[in-house]
Amino acid sequence: MPAPAAFGAQDPDAARLAVLRLLEADPSLTQRGLSEALGLSLGKTHYVLHALLDKGLVKIGNFRRSKRKAAYAYALTPAGLREKLRLTRSFLSRKETEYKQLQEVIAELRADLERQE
């Protein structure tokens, strides 16, 4: 999985996608664990996670038999899986466009250097 920073913490869609990907990979992640993995503050992570919970994209389960009273697991709902797919397609398309534009800039800069040398 790419580093969460690659998703762009300032982009709300990218943050949601990163959370959905992380929770799908490890449903037992805590908010603190998510925060550390995302490189976001605990408050921002709480906000993003609860927005996903409020939209019904993620559900939370409590393991009552666990020795840890706060043992929770997050599960993506069918709507959450669809949203993850939608966000992935959108993010990938945007990044591919940025990549092509960056390649053009690099080619121009290389051409400028060759002319100047």
PDB file of N, CA and C in Angstrom:
ATOM      1  N   MET A   1       0.858  -1.173   0.000  1.00  0.00           N
ATOM      2  CA  MET A   1       0.000   0.000   0.000  1.00  0.00           C
ATOM      3  C   MET A   1       0.902   1.233   0.000  1.00  0.00           C
ATOM      4  N   PRO A   2       0.589   2.249  -0.847  1.00  0.00           N
ATOM      5  CA  PRO A   2       1.406   3.459  -0.861  1.00  0.00           C
ATOM      6  C   PRO A   2       1.365   4.155   0.495  1.00  0.00           C
ATOM      7  N   ALA A   3       2.402   4.926   0.745  1.00  0.00           N
ATOM      8  CA  ALA A   3       2.432   5.704   1.984  1.00  0.00           C
ATOM      9  C   ALA A   3       1.212   6.610   2.020  1.00  0.00           C
ATOM     10  N   PRO A   4       0.522   6.689   3.176  1.00  0.00           N
ATOM     11  CA  PRO A   4      -0.677   7.528   3.265  1.00  0.00           C
ATOM     12  C   PRO A   4      -0.427   8.970   2.856  1.00  0.00           C
ATOM     13  N   ALA A   5       0.789   9.474   3.089  1.00  0.00           N
ATOM     14  CA  ALA A   5       1.088  10.855   2.696  1.00  0.00           C
ATOM     15  C   ALA A   5       0.923  11.035   1.193  1.00  0.00           C
ATOM     16  N   ALA A   6       1.102   9.951   0.422  1.00  0.00           N
ATOM     17  CA  ALA A   6       0.956  10.025  -1.028  1.00  0.00           C
ATOM     18  C   ALA A   6      -0.478  10.357  -1.423  1.00  0.00           C
ATOM     19  N   PHE A   7      -1.404  10.143  -0.498  1.00  0.00           N
ATOM     20  CA  PHE A   7      -2.801  10.429  -0.784  1.00  0.00           C
ATOM     21  C   PHE A   7      -3.145  11.896  -0.587  1.00  0.00           C
ATOM     22  N   GLY A   8      -2.274  12.668   0.038  1.00  0.00           N
ATOM     23  CA  GLY A   8      -2.527  14.089   0.221  1.00  0.00           C
ATOM     24  C   GLY A   8      -3.501  14.362   1.342  1.00  0.00           C
ATOM     25  N   ALA A   9      -2.990  14.563   2.526  1.00  0.00           N
ATOM     26  CA  ALA A   9      -3.824  14.740   3.716  1.00  0.00           C
ATOM     27  C   ALA A   9      -4.738  15.959   3.616  1.00  0.00           C
ATOM     28  N   GLN A  10      -4.374  16.929   2.791  1.00  0.00           N
ATOM     29  CA  GLN A  10      -5.189  18.138   2.680  1.00  0.00           C
ATOM     30  C   GLN A  10      -6.421  17.932   1.793  1.00  0.00           C
ATOM     31  N   ASP A  11      -6.444  16.859   1.038  1.00  0.00           N
ATOM     32  CA  ASP A  11      -7.548  16.547   0.138  1.00  0.00           C
ATOM     33  C   ASP A  11      -8.546  15.653   0.881  1.00  0.00           C
ATOM     34  N   PRO A  12      -9.765  16.149   1.145  1.00  0.00           N
ATOM     35  CA  PRO A  12     -10.738  15.355   1.913  1.00  0.00           C
ATOM     36  C   PRO A  12     -11.055  13.998   1.280  1.00  0.00           C
ATOM     37  N   ASP A  13     -11.197  13.947  -0.041  1.00  0.00           N
ATOM     38  CA  ASP A  13     -11.460  12.668  -0.702  1.00  0.00           C
ATOM     39  C   ASP A  13     -10.289  11.715  -0.524  1.00  0.00           C
ATOM     40  N   ALA A  14      -9.085  12.238  -0.623  1.00  0.00           N
ATOM     41  CA  ALA A  14      -7.894  11.404  -0.459  1.00  0.00           C
ATOM     42  C   ALA A  14      -7.806  10.884   0.975  1.00  0.00           C
ATOM     43  N   ALA A  15      -8.151  11.706   1.937  1.00  0.00           N
ATOM     44  CA  ALA A  15      -8.131  11.271   3.340  1.00  0.00           C
ATOM     45  C   ALA A  15      -9.163  10.176   3.570  1.00  0.00           C
ATOM     46  N   ARG A  16     -10.356  10.341   2.994  1.00  0.00           N
ATOM     47  CA  ARG A  16     -11.394   9.312   3.134  1.00  0.00           C
ATOM     48  C   ARG A  16     -10.936   8.001   2.490  1.00  0.00           C
ATOM     49  N   LEU A  17     -10.343   8.117   1.306  1.00  0.00           N
ATOM     50  CA  LEU A  17      -9.851   6.922   0.617  1.00  0.00           C
ATOM     51  C   LEU A  17      -8.775   6.233   1.443  1.00  0.00           C
ATOM     52  N   ALA A  18      -7.862   7.000   1.995  1.00  0.00           N
ATOM     53  CA  ALA A  18      -6.790   6.412   2.807  1.00  0.00           C
ATOM     54  C   ALA A  18      -7.369   5.681   4.020  1.00  0.00           C
ATOM     55  N   VAL A  19      -8.358   6.284   4.680  1.00  0.00           N
ATOM     56  CA  VAL A  19      -8.983   5.637   5.843  1.00  0.00           C
ATOM     57  C   VAL A  19      -9.682   4.346   5.418  1.00  0.00           C
ATOM     58  N   LEU A  20     -10.437   4.397   4.333  1.00  0.00           N
ATOM     59  CA  LEU A  20     -11.138   3.202   3.866  1.00  0.00           C
ATOM     60  C   LEU A  20     -10.150   2.089   3.521  1.00  0.00           C
ATOM     61  N   ARG A  21      -9.051   2.439   2.865  1.00  0.00           N
ATOM     62  CA  ARG A  21      -8.039   1.434   2.502  1.00  0.00           C
ATOM     63  C   ARG A  21      -7.399   0.831   3.747  1.00  0.00           C
ATOM     64  N   LEU A  22      -7.048   1.680   4.694  1.00  0.00           N
ATOM     65  CA  LEU A  22      -6.406   1.185   5.913  1.00  0.00           C
ATOM     66  C   LEU A  22      -7.340   0.287   6.719  1.00  0.00           C
ATOM     67  N   LEU A  23      -8.607   0.698   6.840  1.00  0.00           N
ATOM     68  CA  LEU A  23      -9.557  -0.109   7.617  1.00  0.00           C
ATOM     69  C   LEU A  23      -9.891  -1.419   6.925  1.00  0.00           C
ATOM     70  N   GLU A  24      -9.915  -1.407   5.612  1.00  0.00           N
ATOM     71  CA  GLU A  24     -10.161  -2.657   4.896  1.00  0.00           C
ATOM     72  C   GLU A  24      -8.982  -3.621   5.123  1.00  0.00           C
ATOM     73  N   ALA A  25      -7.778  -3.079   5.148  1.00  0.00           N
ATOM     74  CA  ALA A  25      -6.587  -3.912   5.356  1.00  0.00           C
ATOM     75  C   ALA A  25      -6.460  -4.383   6.802  1.00  0.00           C
ATOM     76  N   ASP A  26      -6.860  -3.524   7.750  1.00  0.00           N
ATOM     77  CA  ASP A  26      -6.734  -3.868   9.175  1.00  0.00           C
ATOM     78  C   ASP A  26      -7.912  -3.284   9.949  1.00  0.00           C
ATOM     79  N   PRO A  27      -9.011  -4.025  10.033  1.00  0.00           N
ATOM     80  CA  PRO A  27     -10.215  -3.531  10.713  1.00  0.00           C
ATOM     81  C   PRO A  27     -10.024  -3.239  12.200  1.00  0.00           C
ATOM     82  N   SER A  28      -8.964  -3.768  12.798  1.00  0.00           N
ATOM     83  CA  SER A  28      -8.765  -3.573  14.228  1.00  0.00           C
ATOM     84  C   SER A  28      -7.962  -2.315  14.555  1.00  0.00           C
ATOM     85  N   LEU A  29      -7.610  -1.525  13.549  1.00  0.00           N
ATOM     86  CA  LEU A  29      -6.873  -0.291  13.816  1.00  0.00           C
ATOM     87  C   LEU A  29      -7.656   0.614  14.758  1.00  0.00           C
ATOM     88  N   THR A  30      -6.963   1.207  15.699  1.00  0.00           N
ATOM     89  CA  THR A  30      -7.583   2.190  16.586  1.00  0.00           C
ATOM     90  C   THR A  30      -7.527   3.555  15.906  1.00  0.00           C
ATOM     91  N   GLN A  31      -8.249   4.520  16.465  1.00  0.00           N
ATOM     92  CA  GLN A  31      -8.161   5.871  15.922  1.00  0.00           C
ATOM     93  C   GLN A  31      -6.739   6.395  16.026  1.00  0.00           C
ATOM     94  N   ARG A  32      -6.069   6.073  17.114  1.00  0.00           N
ATOM     95  CA  ARG A  32      -4.677   6.509  17.275  1.00  0.00           C
ATOM     96  C   ARG A  32      -3.793   5.847  16.215  1.00  0.00           C
ATOM     97  N   GLY A  33      -4.020   4.559  15.968  1.00  0.00           N
ATOM     98  CA  GLY A  33      -3.264   3.848  14.941  1.00  0.00           C
ATOM     99  C   GLY A  33      -3.524   4.417  13.563  1.00  0.00           C
ATOM    100  N   LEU A  34      -4.791   4.733  13.284  1.00  0.00           N
ATOM    101  CA  LEU A  34      -5.134   5.386  12.013  1.00  0.00           C
ATOM    102  C   LEU A  34      -4.430   6.731  11.898  1.00  0.00           C
ATOM    103  N   SER A  35      -4.472   7.496  12.973  1.00  0.00           N
ATOM    104  CA  SER A  35      -3.854   8.815  12.998  1.00  0.00           C
ATOM    105  C   SER A  35      -2.373   8.726  12.661  1.00  0.00           C
ATOM    106  N   GLU A  36      -1.693   7.782  13.287  1.00  0.00           N
ATOM    107  CA  GLU A  36      -0.260   7.604  13.036  1.00  0.00           C
ATOM    108  C   GLU A  36       0.000   7.146  11.607  1.00  0.00           C
ATOM    109  N   ALA A  37      -0.806   6.198  11.123  1.00  0.00           N
ATOM    110  CA  ALA A  37      -0.619   5.685   9.766  1.00  0.00           C
ATOM    111  C   ALA A  37      -0.888   6.753   8.709  1.00  0.00           C
ATOM    112  N   LEU A  38      -1.838   7.635   8.995  1.00  0.00           N
ATOM    113  CA  LEU A  38      -2.209   8.678   8.047  1.00  0.00           C
ATOM    114  C   LEU A  38      -1.322   9.911   8.137  1.00  0.00           C
ATOM    115  N   GLY A  39      -0.675  10.074   9.283  1.00  0.00           N
ATOM    116  CA  GLY A  39       0.102  11.298   9.483  1.00  0.00           C
ATOM    117  C   GLY A  39      -0.798  12.490   9.737  1.00  0.00           C
ATOM    118  N   LEU A  40      -1.993  12.222  10.274  1.00  0.00           N
ATOM    119  CA  LEU A  40      -2.958  13.277  10.588  1.00  0.00           C
ATOM    120  C   LEU A  40      -3.081  13.397  12.102  1.00  0.00           C
ATOM    121  N   SER A  41      -3.573  14.523  12.556  1.00  0.00           N
ATOM    122  CA  SER A  41      -3.828  14.687  13.984  1.00  0.00           C
ATOM    123  C   SER A  41      -4.940  13.727  14.394  1.00  0.00           C
ATOM    124  N   LEU A  42      -4.983  13.422  15.660  1.00  0.00           N
ATOM    125  CA  LEU A  42      -6.018  12.542  16.176  1.00  0.00           C
ATOM    126  C   LEU A  42      -7.402  13.158  15.960  1.00  0.00           C
ATOM    127  N   GLY A  43      -7.512  14.479  16.123  1.00  0.00           N
ATOM    128  CA  GLY A  43      -8.791  15.166  15.911  1.00  0.00           C
ATOM    129  C   GLY A  43      -9.265  15.076  14.474  1.00  0.00           C
ATOM    130  N   LYS A  44      -8.356  15.279  13.510  1.00  0.00           N
ATOM    131  CA  LYS A  44      -8.707  15.191  12.089  1.00  0.00           C
ATOM    132  C   LYS A  44      -9.103  13.757  11.739  1.00  0.00           C
ATOM    133  N   THR A  45      -8.363  12.796  12.290  1.00  0.00           N
ATOM    134  CA  THR A  45      -8.679  11.392  12.044  1.00  0.00           C
ATOM    135  C   THR A  45     -10.061  11.061  12.598  1.00  0.00           C
ATOM    136  N   HIS A  46     -10.359  11.526  13.800  1.00  0.00           N
ATOM    137  CA  HIS A  46     -11.669  11.319  14.417  1.00  0.00           C
ATOM    138  C   HIS A  46     -12.768  11.890  13.524  1.00  0.00           C
ATOM    139  N   TYR A  47     -12.547  13.093  13.015  1.00  0.00           N
ATOM    140  CA  TYR A  47     -13.527  13.756  12.151  1.00  0.00           C
ATOM    141  C   TYR A  47     -13.780  12.933  10.881  1.00  0.00           C
ATOM    142  N   VAL A  48     -12.712  12.505  10.212  1.00  0.00           N
ATOM    143  CA  VAL A  48     -12.856  11.744   8.964  1.00  0.00           C
ATOM    144  C   VAL A  48     -13.542  10.411   9.235  1.00  0.00           C
ATOM    145  N   LEU A  49     -13.112   9.713  10.276  1.00  0.00           N
ATOM    146  CA  LEU A  49     -13.689   8.414  10.599  1.00  0.00           C
ATOM    147  C   LEU A  49     -15.172   8.536  10.942  1.00  0.00           C
ATOM    148  N   HIS A  50     -15.524   9.527  11.745  1.00  0.00           N
ATOM    149  CA  HIS A  50     -16.932   9.674  12.129  1.00  0.00           C
ATOM    150  C   HIS A  50     -17.796  10.148  10.966  1.00  0.00           C
ATOM    151  N   ALA A  51     -17.231  10.863  10.029  1.00  0.00           N
ATOM    152  CA  ALA A  51     -17.982  11.220   8.827  1.00  0.00           C
ATOM    153  C   ALA A  51     -18.303   9.953   8.034  1.00  0.00           C
ATOM    154  N   LEU A  52     -17.359   9.031   7.961  1.00  0.00           N
ATOM    155  CA  LEU A  52     -17.596   7.763   7.266  1.00  0.00           C
ATOM    156  C   LEU A  52     -18.628   6.918   8.010  1.00  0.00           C
ATOM    157  N   LEU A  53     -18.550   6.915   9.340  1.00  0.00           N
ATOM    158  CA  LEU A  53     -19.537   6.193  10.149  1.00  0.00           C
ATOM    159  C   LEU A  53     -20.929   6.802   9.972  1.00  0.00           C
ATOM    160  N   ASP A  54     -21.020   8.139  10.001  1.00  0.00           N
ATOM    161  CA  ASP A  54     -22.308   8.828   9.862  1.00  0.00           C
ATOM    162  C   ASP A  54     -22.952   8.575   8.503  1.00  0.00           C
ATOM    163  N   LYS A  55     -22.118   8.430   7.466  1.00  0.00           N
ATOM    164  CA  LYS A  55     -22.639   8.172   6.117  1.00  0.00           C
ATOM    165  C   LYS A  55     -22.966   6.700   5.895  1.00  0.00           C
ATOM    166  N   GLY A  56     -22.669   5.869   6.887  1.00  0.00           N
ATOM    167  CA  GLY A  56     -22.956   4.450   6.756  1.00  0.00           C
ATOM    168  C   GLY A  56     -21.958   3.712   5.882  1.00  0.00           C
ATOM    169  N   LEU A  57     -20.774   4.291   5.681  1.00  0.00           N
ATOM    170  CA  LEU A  57     -19.768   3.650   4.843  1.00  0.00           C
ATOM    171  C   LEU A  57     -18.895   2.691   5.641  1.00  0.00           C
ATOM    172  N   VAL A  58     -18.859   2.922   6.941  1.00  0.00           N
ATOM    173  CA  VAL A  58     -18.099   2.076   7.859  1.00  0.00           C
ATOM    174  C   VAL A  58     -19.005   1.794   9.049  1.00  0.00           C
ATOM    175  N   LYS A  59     -18.917   0.578   9.559  1.00  0.00           N
ATOM    176  CA  LYS A  59     -19.641   0.262  10.793  1.00  0.00           C
ATOM    177  C   LYS A  59     -18.612  -0.204  11.819  1.00  0.00           C
ATOM    178  N   ILE A  60     -18.994  -0.082  13.069  1.00  0.00           N
ATOM    179  CA  ILE A  60     -18.088  -0.416  14.150  1.00  0.00           C
ATOM    180  C   ILE A  60     -18.696  -1.529  14.988  1.00  0.00           C
ATOM    181  N   GLY A  61     -17.855  -2.449  15.388  1.00  0.00           N
ATOM    182  CA  GLY A  61     -18.307  -3.538  16.245  1.00  0.00           C
ATOM    183  C   GLY A  61     -17.453  -3.594  17.498  1.00  0.00           C
ATOM    184  N   ASN A  62     -18.052  -3.938  18.591  1.00  0.00           N
ATOM    185  CA  ASN A  62     -17.344  -4.039  19.866  1.00  0.00           C
ATOM    186  C   ASN A  62     -17.260  -5.505  20.243  1.00  0.00           C
ATOM    187  N   PHE A  63     -16.044  -5.971  20.513  1.00  0.00           N
ATOM    188  CA  PHE A  63     -15.859  -7.348  20.941  1.00  0.00           C
ATOM    189  C   PHE A  63     -16.004  -7.404  22.447  1.00  0.00           C
ATOM    190  N   ARG A  64     -17.188  -7.717  22.926  1.00  0.00           N
ATOM    191  CA  ARG A  64     -17.464  -7.695  24.362  1.00  0.00           C
ATOM    192  C   ARG A  64     -16.678  -8.748  25.132  1.00  0.00           C
ATOM    193  N   ARG A  65     -16.324  -9.835  24.466  1.00  0.00           N
ATOM    194  CA  ARG A  65     -15.592 -10.897  25.153  1.00  0.00           C
ATOM    195  C   ARG A  65     -14.110 -10.579  25.284  1.00  0.00           C
ATOM    196  N   SER A  66     -13.689  -9.544  24.624  1.00  0.00           N
ATOM    197  CA  SER A  66     -12.274  -9.188  24.659  1.00  0.00           C
ATOM    198  C   SER A  66     -11.873  -8.737  26.054  1.00  0.00           C
ATOM    199  N   LYS A  67     -10.624  -9.011  26.416  1.00  0.00           N
ATOM    200  CA  LYS A  67     -10.100  -8.541  27.701  1.00  0.00           C
ATOM    201  C   LYS A  67      -9.945  -7.033  27.697  1.00  0.00           C
ATOM    202  N   ARG A  68      -9.749  -6.476  26.507  1.00  0.00           N
ATOM    203  CA  ARG A  68      -9.664  -5.024  26.379  1.00  0.00           C
ATOM    204  C   ARG A  68     -11.080  -4.483  26.199  1.00  0.00           C
ATOM    205  N   LYS A  69     -11.502  -3.623  27.084  1.00  0.00           N
ATOM    206  CA  LYS A  69     -12.869  -3.092  27.012  1.00  0.00           C
ATOM    207  C   LYS A  69     -13.091  -2.268  25.747  1.00  0.00           C
ATOM    208  N   ALA A  70     -12.029  -1.682  25.219  1.00  0.00           N
ATOM    209  CA  ALA A  70     -12.167  -0.825  24.042  1.00  0.00           C
ATOM    210  C   ALA A  70     -11.738  -1.550  22.775  1.00  0.00           C
ATOM    211  N   ALA A  71     -11.993  -2.843  22.687  1.00  0.00           N
ATOM    212  CA  ALA A  71     -11.605  -3.607  21.506  1.00  0.00           C
ATOM    213  C   ALA A  71     -12.684  -3.466  20.437  1.00  0.00           C
ATOM    214  N   TYR A  72     -12.401  -2.666  19.444  1.00  0.00           N
ATOM    215  CA  TYR A  72     -13.353  -2.407  18.370  1.00  0.00           C
ATOM    216  C   TYR A  72     -12.793  -2.923  17.055  1.00  0.00           C
ATOM    217  N   ALA A  73     -13.659  -3.167  16.127  1.00  0.00           N
ATOM    218  CA  ALA A  73     -13.256  -3.495  14.764  1.00  0.00           C
ATOM    219  C   ALA A  73     -14.146  -2.686  13.828  1.00  0.00           C
ATOM    220  N   TYR A  74     -13.542  -2.176  12.789  1.00  0.00           N
ATOM    221  CA  TYR A  74     -14.274  -1.408  11.788  1.00  0.00           C
ATOM    222  C   TYR A  74     -14.465  -2.280  10.558  1.00  0.00           C
ATOM    223  N   ALA A  75     -15.631  -2.196   9.966  1.00  0.00           N
ATOM    224  CA  ALA A  75     -15.915  -2.957   8.755  1.00  0.00           C
ATOM    225  C   ALA A  75     -16.513  -2.016   7.719  1.00  0.00           C
ATOM    226  N   LEU A  76     -16.032  -2.138   6.496  1.00  0.00           N
ATOM    227  CA  LEU A  76     -16.616  -1.361   5.419  1.00  0.00           C
ATOM    228  C   LEU A  76     -17.958  -1.991   5.053  1.00  0.00           C
ATOM    229  N   THR A  77     -18.964  -1.179   4.923  1.00  0.00           N
ATOM    230  CA  THR A  77     -20.275  -1.648   4.499  1.00  0.00           C
ATOM    231  C   THR A  77     -20.247  -1.814   2.980  1.00  0.00           C
ATOM    232  N   PRO A  78     -21.271  -2.432   2.399  1.00  0.00           N
ATOM    233  CA  PRO A  78     -21.313  -2.501   0.933  1.00  0.00           C
ATOM    234  C   PRO A  78     -21.235  -1.106   0.299  1.00  0.00           C
ATOM    235  N   ALA A  79     -21.904  -0.132   0.916  1.00  0.00           N
ATOM    236  CA  ALA A  79     -21.814   1.244   0.408  1.00  0.00           C
ATOM    237  C   ALA A  79     -20.389   1.780   0.565  1.00  0.00           C
ATOM    238  N   GLY A  80     -19.719   1.394   1.645  1.00  0.00           N
ATOM    239  CA  GLY A  80     -18.340   1.807   1.864  1.00  0.00           C
ATOM    240  C   GLY A  80     -17.404   1.226   0.823  1.00  0.00           C
ATOM    241  N   LEU A  81     -17.640  -0.021   0.461  1.00  0.00           N
ATOM    242  CA  LEU A  81     -16.827  -0.648  -0.591  1.00  0.00           C
ATOM    243  C   LEU A  81     -17.045   0.036  -1.933  1.00  0.00           C
ATOM    244  N   ARG A  82     -18.300   0.394  -2.230  1.00  0.00           N
ATOM    245  CA  ARG A  82     -18.585   1.113  -3.483  1.00  0.00           C
ATOM    246  C   ARG A  82     -17.940   2.491  -3.480  1.00  0.00           C
ATOM    247  N   GLU A  83     -18.000   3.175  -2.323  1.00  0.00           N
ATOM    248  CA  GLU A  83     -17.397   4.506  -2.215  1.00  0.00           C
ATOM    249  C   GLU A  83     -15.879   4.413  -2.345  1.00  0.00           C
ATOM    250  N   LYS A  84     -15.292   3.386  -1.772  1.00  0.00           N
ATOM    251  CA  LYS A  84     -13.841   3.188  -1.895  1.00  0.00           C
ATOM    252  C   LYS A  84     -13.477   3.008  -3.362  1.00  0.00           C
ATOM    253  N   LEU A  85     -14.252   2.238  -4.085  1.00  0.00           N
ATOM    254  CA  LEU A  85     -14.016   2.024  -5.510  1.00  0.00           C
ATOM    255  C   LEU A  85     -14.157   3.335  -6.284  1.00  0.00           C
ATOM    256  N   ARG A  86     -15.195   4.104  -5.983  1.00  0.00           N
ATOM    257  CA  ARG A  86     -15.406   5.389  -6.657  1.00  0.00           C
ATOM    258  C   ARG A  86     -14.247   6.342  -6.369  1.00  0.00           C
ATOM    259  N   LEU A  87     -13.864   6.444  -5.108  1.00  0.00           N
ATOM    260  CA  LEU A  87     -12.763   7.327  -4.724  1.00  0.00           C
ATOM    261  C   LEU A  87     -11.451   6.883  -5.356  1.00  0.00           C
ATOM    262  N   THR A  88     -11.236   5.575  -5.438  1.00  0.00           N
ATOM    263  CA  THR A  88     -10.012   5.050  -6.047  1.00  0.00           C
ATOM    264  C   THR A  88      -9.942   5.429  -7.516  1.00  0.00           C
ATOM    265  N   ARG A  89     -11.045   5.245  -8.224  1.00  0.00           N
ATOM    266  CA  ARG A  89     -11.070   5.611  -9.659  1.00  0.00           C
ATOM    267  C   ARG A  89     -10.804   7.107  -9.850  1.00  0.00           C
ATOM    268  N   SER A  90     -11.463   7.920  -9.051  1.00  0.00           N
ATOM    269  CA  SER A  90     -11.303   9.370  -9.149  1.00  0.00           C
ATOM    270  C   SER A  90      -9.874   9.788  -8.811  1.00  0.00           C
ATOM    271  N   PHE A  91      -9.341   9.243  -7.724  1.00  0.00           N
ATOM    272  CA  PHE A  91      -7.987   9.580  -7.293  1.00  0.00           C
ATOM    273  C   PHE A  91      -6.971   9.149  -8.346  1.00  0.00           C
ATOM    274  N   LEU A  92      -7.114   7.940  -8.858  1.00  0.00           N
ATOM    275  CA  LEU A  92      -6.190   7.428  -9.864  1.00  0.00           C
ATOM    276  C   LEU A  92      -6.234   8.280 -11.127  1.00  0.00           C
ATOM    277  N   SER A  93      -7.406   8.643 -11.571  1.00  0.00           N
ATOM    278  CA  SER A  93      -7.542   9.485 -12.758  1.00  0.00           C
ATOM    279  C   SER A  93      -6.848  10.834 -12.559  1.00  0.00           C
ATOM    280  N   ARG A  94      -7.075  11.435 -11.397  1.00  0.00           N
ATOM    281  CA  ARG A  94      -6.465  12.730 -11.086  1.00  0.00           C
ATOM    282  C   ARG A  94      -4.941  12.612 -11.043  1.00  0.00           C
ATOM    283  N   LYS A  95      -4.433  11.568 -10.412  1.00  0.00           N
ATOM    284  CA  LYS A  95      -2.982  11.384 -10.304  1.00  0.00           C
ATOM    285  C   LYS A  95      -2.350  11.061 -11.653  1.00  0.00           C
ATOM    286  N   GLU A  96      -3.047  10.318 -12.502  1.00  0.00           N
ATOM    287  CA  GLU A  96      -2.522  10.030 -13.840  1.00  0.00           C
ATOM    288  C   GLU A  96      -2.421  11.311 -14.662  1.00  0.00           C
ATOM    289  N   THR A  97      -3.400  12.185 -14.540  1.00  0.00           N
ATOM    290  CA  THR A  97      -3.357  13.476 -15.230  1.00  0.00           C
ATOM    291  C   THR A  97      -2.197  14.312 -14.716  1.00  0.00           C
ATOM    292  N   GLU A  98      -2.033  14.365 -13.392  1.00  0.00           N
ATOM    293  CA  GLU A  98      -0.910  15.106 -12.806  1.00  0.00           C
ATOM    294  C   GLU A  98       0.421  14.531 -13.278  1.00  0.00           C
ATOM    295  N   TYR A  99       0.513  13.214 -13.370  1.00  0.00           N
ATOM    296  CA  TYR A  99       1.739  12.548 -13.788  1.00  0.00           C
ATOM    297  C   TYR A  99       2.091  12.923 -15.229  1.00  0.00           C
ATOM    298  N   LYS A 100       1.097  12.905 -16.108  1.00  0.00           N
ATOM    299  CA  LYS A 100       1.335  13.278 -17.509  1.00  0.00           C
ATOM    300  C   LYS A 100       1.792  14.730 -17.612  1.00  0.00           C
ATOM    301  N   GLN A 101       1.152  15.602 -16.842  1.00  0.00           N
ATOM    302  CA  GLN A 101       1.548  17.019 -16.857  1.00  0.00           C
ATOM    303  C   GLN A 101       2.966  17.183 -16.328  1.00  0.00           C
ATOM    304  N   LEU A 102       3.306  16.459 -15.297  1.00  0.00           N
ATOM    305  CA  LEU A 102       4.647  16.522 -14.728  1.00  0.00           C
ATOM    306  C   LEU A 102       5.678  15.998 -15.722  1.00  0.00           C
ATOM    307  N   GLN A 103       5.349  14.944 -16.448  1.00  0.00           N
ATOM    308  CA  GLN A 103       6.261  14.424 -17.464  1.00  0.00           C
ATOM    309  C   GLN A 103       6.530  15.476 -18.543  1.00  0.00           C
ATOM    310  N   GLU A 104       5.503  16.216 -18.922  1.00  0.00           N
ATOM    311  CA  GLU A 104       5.674  17.268 -19.927  1.00  0.00           C
ATOM    312  C   GLU A 104       6.582  18.375 -19.409  1.00  0.00           C
ATOM    313  N   VAL A 105       6.401  18.768 -18.170  1.00  0.00           N
ATOM    314  CA  VAL A 105       7.242  19.804 -17.569  1.00  0.00           C
ATOM    315  C   VAL A 105       8.690  19.324 -17.505  1.00  0.00           C
ATOM    316  N   ILE A 106       8.897  18.083 -17.103  1.00  0.00           N
ATOM    317  CA  ILE A 106      10.249  17.530 -17.018  1.00  0.00           C
ATOM    318  C   ILE A 106      10.902  17.518 -18.398  1.00  0.00           C
ATOM    319  N   ALA A 107      10.150  17.100 -19.409  1.00  0.00           N
ATOM    320  CA  ALA A 107      10.696  17.081 -20.776  1.00  0.00           C
ATOM    321  C   ALA A 107      11.092  18.488 -21.220  1.00  0.00           C
ATOM    322  N   GLU A 108      10.264  19.480 -20.917  1.00  0.00           N
ATOM    323  CA  GLU A 108      10.580  20.874 -21.280  1.00  0.00           C
ATOM    324  C   GLU A 108      11.836  21.347 -20.557  1.00  0.00           C
ATOM    325  N   LEU A 109      11.947  21.045 -19.281  1.00  0.00           N
ATOM    326  CA  LEU A 109      13.112  21.456 -18.504  1.00  0.00           C
ATOM    327  C   LEU A 109      14.385  20.785 -19.016  1.00  0.00           C
ATOM    328  N   ARG A 110      14.291  19.517 -19.366  1.00  0.00           N
ATOM    329  CA  ARG A 110      15.461  18.813 -19.929  1.00  0.00           C
ATOM    330  C   ARG A 110      15.873  19.428 -21.256  1.00  0.00           C
ATOM    331  N   ALA A 111      14.889  19.763 -22.072  1.00  0.00           N
ATOM    332  CA  ALA A 111      15.189  20.394 -23.367  1.00  0.00           C
ATOM    333  C   ALA A 111      15.863  21.741 -23.144  1.00  0.00           C
ATOM    334  N   ASP A 112      15.378  22.516 -22.176  1.00  0.00           N
ATOM    335  CA  ASP A 112      15.998  23.808 -21.848  1.00  0.00           C
ATOM    336  C   ASP A 112      17.446  23.623 -21.416  1.00  0.00           C
ATOM    337  N   LEU A 113      17.695  22.633 -20.577  1.00  0.00           N
ATOM    338  CA  LEU A 113      19.067  22.372 -20.119  1.00  0.00           C
ATOM    339  C   LEU A 113      19.980  21.986 -21.279  1.00  0.00           C
ATOM    340  N   GLU A 114      19.483  21.152 -22.159  1.00  0.00           N
ATOM    341  CA  GLU A 114      20.279  20.717 -23.318  1.00  0.00           C
ATOM    342  C   GLU A 114      20.606  21.898 -24.213  1.00  0.00           C
ATOM    343  N   ARG A 115      19.684  22.810 -24.393  1.00  0.00           N
ATOM    344  CA  ARG A 115      19.922  23.998 -25.229  1.00  0.00           C
ATOM    345  C   ARG A 115      20.952  24.917 -24.579  1.00  0.00           C
ATOM    346  N   GLN A 116      20.928  24.989 -23.260  1.00  0.00           N
ATOM    347  CA  GLN A 116      21.826  25.898 -22.543  1.00  0.00           C
ATOM    348  C   GLN A 116      23.232  25.333 -22.402  1.00  0.00           C
ATOM    349  N   GLU A 117      23.399  24.031 -22.534  1.00  0.00           N
ATOM    350  CA  GLU A 117      24.729  23.432 -22.356  1.00  0.00           C
ATOM    351  C   GLU A 117      25.515  23.446 -23.595  1.00  0.00           C
TER     352      GLU A 117
END
